[in-house]
Amino acid sequence: MTAVCALALGAALSSTGPAWAAEWKNTYWRDATDGDAGGVSGSAARYWSGNDSIRAYIGFLAKGEHFTVYNDTSVRATYWATANGWPVLGGDIDPGDYGTANLDIDEGETISIKICVKDRGCATLDTLKA
């Protein structure tokens, strides 16, 4: 290897880092066959692609109108849920915290869920049904 080639390779590795860099991403899940006729369950999460266990998550199970939220990031996250556009759940969740809620939501209402990680973006899913 020539000195110029070695120098160029060393500069490329040190200045740009690896070809793949971790970043914050979204992941979603939907299930229309969850045991609640007409209901659609789902979840939205914001996660770190370098370690997908670092995530903030909100989920909705149509059968029983059950919500779950957790935050496995290092910063506070904020979550919301609406039914037909009206707020039914929301707040902040600190790192390491977990919570659940069972709500009385009329069948057939459109459910929207959203979770935001401070300074790292949001994940939203608005195609769920109670």
Protein backbone atom coordinates (compact mmCIF):
# COMPACT_ATOMS: atom_id res chain seq x y z
CA MET A 1 0.00 0.00 0.00
CA THR A 2 1.42 3.39 -0.91
CA ALA A 3 1.80 6.11 1.69
CA VAL A 4 -0.78 8.25 -0.13
CA CYS A 5 -3.32 5.39 -0.19
CA ALA A 6 -2.73 4.60 3.50
CA LEU A 7 -3.09 8.29 4.39
CA ALA A 8 -6.34 8.57 2.41
CA LEU A 9 -7.74 5.41 4.03
CA GLY A 10 -6.79 6.61 7.51
CA ALA A 11 -8.38 10.02 6.89
CA ALA A 12 -11.56 8.44 5.57
CA LEU A 13 -11.91 6.16 8.60
CA SER A 14 -11.16 8.85 11.14
CA SER A 15 -13.23 11.66 9.66
CA THR A 16 -16.36 9.90 8.51
CA GLY A 17 -16.55 6.97 10.91
CA PRO A 18 -18.16 3.69 9.88
CA ALA A 19 -20.32 3.47 6.76
CA TRP A 20 -23.36 2.70 8.96
CA ALA A 21 -24.26 5.14 11.73
CA ALA A 22 -26.92 4.57 14.36
CA GLU A 23 -29.88 6.96 14.45
CA TRP A 24 -33.35 7.39 15.99
CA LYS A 25 -36.04 5.53 14.05
CA ASN A 26 -39.71 4.55 14.34
CA THR A 27 -41.30 1.13 14.45
CA TYR A 28 -45.00 0.27 14.23
CA TRP A 29 -47.26 -2.74 14.71
CA ARG A 30 -50.97 -3.19 13.77
CA ASP A 31 -53.30 -6.15 14.28
CA ALA A 32 -56.91 -6.28 13.12
CA THR A 33 -57.29 -9.92 14.28
CA ASP A 34 -56.73 -9.36 17.98
CA GLY A 35 -59.95 -10.93 19.30
CA ASP A 36 -62.01 -7.71 19.35
CA ALA A 37 -64.43 -7.78 16.40
CA GLY A 38 -63.92 -4.53 14.47
CA GLY A 39 -61.06 -3.45 16.73
CA VAL A 40 -57.52 -2.76 15.57
CA SER A 41 -54.67 -2.95 18.07
CA GLY A 42 -51.24 -1.44 17.53
CA SER A 43 -48.15 0.25 18.85
CA ALA A 44 -45.70 3.00 17.99
CA ALA A 45 -42.16 3.32 19.25
CA ARG A 46 -39.16 5.57 18.80
CA TYR A 47 -35.90 3.60 19.12
CA TRP A 48 -32.12 3.92 18.75
CA SER A 49 -31.01 1.80 15.78
CA GLY A 50 -27.65 1.06 17.42
CA ASN A 51 -29.44 -0.78 20.25
CA ASP A 52 -33.17 -1.33 19.69
CA SER A 53 -33.78 -1.98 23.39
CA ILE A 54 -33.32 1.78 23.84
CA ARG A 55 -36.86 2.85 23.04
CA ALA A 56 -39.97 4.73 24.10
CA TYR A 57 -43.19 2.84 23.38
CA ILE A 58 -46.96 3.28 23.44
CA GLY A 59 -49.33 0.44 22.66
CA PHE A 60 -53.10 -0.02 22.40
CA LEU A 61 -55.00 -3.31 22.68
CA ALA A 62 -58.52 -2.98 21.28
CA LYS A 63 -59.84 -5.86 23.38
CA GLY A 64 -60.44 -4.09 26.69
CA GLU A 65 -59.17 -0.68 25.50
CA HIS A 66 -55.86 -1.27 27.26
CA PHE A 67 -52.89 1.12 26.86
CA THR A 68 -49.25 0.46 27.77
CA VAL A 69 -46.44 3.00 27.76
CA TYR A 70 -42.78 2.66 28.70
CA ASN A 71 -39.56 4.60 28.34
CA ASP A 72 -36.22 2.79 28.13
CA THR A 73 -34.31 5.84 26.89
CA SER A 74 -32.12 8.18 28.93
CA VAL A 75 -34.45 11.19 28.62
CA ARG A 76 -38.09 12.04 29.29
CA ALA A 77 -40.71 11.04 26.73
CA THR A 78 -44.20 12.43 26.17
CA TYR A 79 -47.18 10.35 25.06
CA TRP A 80 -50.75 10.98 23.88
CA ALA A 81 -53.77 8.95 22.85
CA THR A 82 -56.98 10.26 21.32
CA ALA A 83 -60.35 8.67 20.53
CA ASN A 84 -62.11 10.31 17.57
CA GLY A 85 -59.74 13.25 18.02
CA TRP A 86 -60.50 13.78 21.72
CA PRO A 87 -57.68 13.32 24.26
CA VAL A 88 -58.12 10.23 26.43
CA LEU A 89 -54.59 9.72 27.76
CA GLY A 90 -51.38 11.70 27.91
CA GLY A 91 -48.42 12.81 29.94
CA ASP A 92 -44.70 12.57 30.46
CA ILE A 93 -42.83 9.40 31.31
CA ASP A 94 -39.37 9.42 32.85
CA PRO A 95 -36.52 7.11 31.85
CA GLY A 96 -37.08 3.59 33.19
CA ASP A 97 -40.80 4.12 33.89
CA TYR A 98 -43.72 1.95 32.76
CA GLY A 99 -47.47 2.45 32.94
CA THR A 100 -50.78 0.94 31.90
CA ALA A 101 -54.37 2.16 31.67
CA ASN A 102 -57.69 0.50 30.92
CA LEU A 103 -60.18 3.01 29.53
CA ASP A 104 -63.84 2.84 28.62
CA ILE A 105 -63.88 3.83 24.94
CA ASP A 106 -66.90 3.27 22.70
CA GLU A 107 -66.55 0.54 20.09
CA GLY A 108 -65.58 1.73 16.63
CA GLU A 109 -63.87 4.96 17.71
CA THR A 110 -60.66 5.81 15.85
CA ILE A 111 -57.65 5.67 18.16
CA SER A 112 -54.47 7.65 17.58
CA ILE A 113 -51.32 7.10 19.65
CA LYS A 114 -48.12 9.13 19.73
CA ILE A 115 -44.86 9.04 21.66
CA CYS A 116 -42.08 11.61 21.49
CA VAL A 117 -38.57 11.29 22.88
CA LYS A 118 -37.16 14.65 23.98
CA ASP A 119 -35.08 16.16 21.15
CA ARG A 120 -35.17 12.83 19.28
CA GLY A 121 -38.48 12.86 17.39
CA CYS A 122 -41.90 11.20 17.53
CA ALA A 123 -43.70 8.06 16.38
CA THR A 124 -47.44 8.30 15.60
CA LEU A 125 -50.01 5.71 14.61
CA ASP A 126 -53.53 6.92 13.86
CA THR A 127 -55.23 3.96 12.20
CA LEU A 128 -56.37 1.97 15.25
CA LYS A 129 -59.96 1.17 16.32
CA ALA A 130 -61.57 0.57 19.69
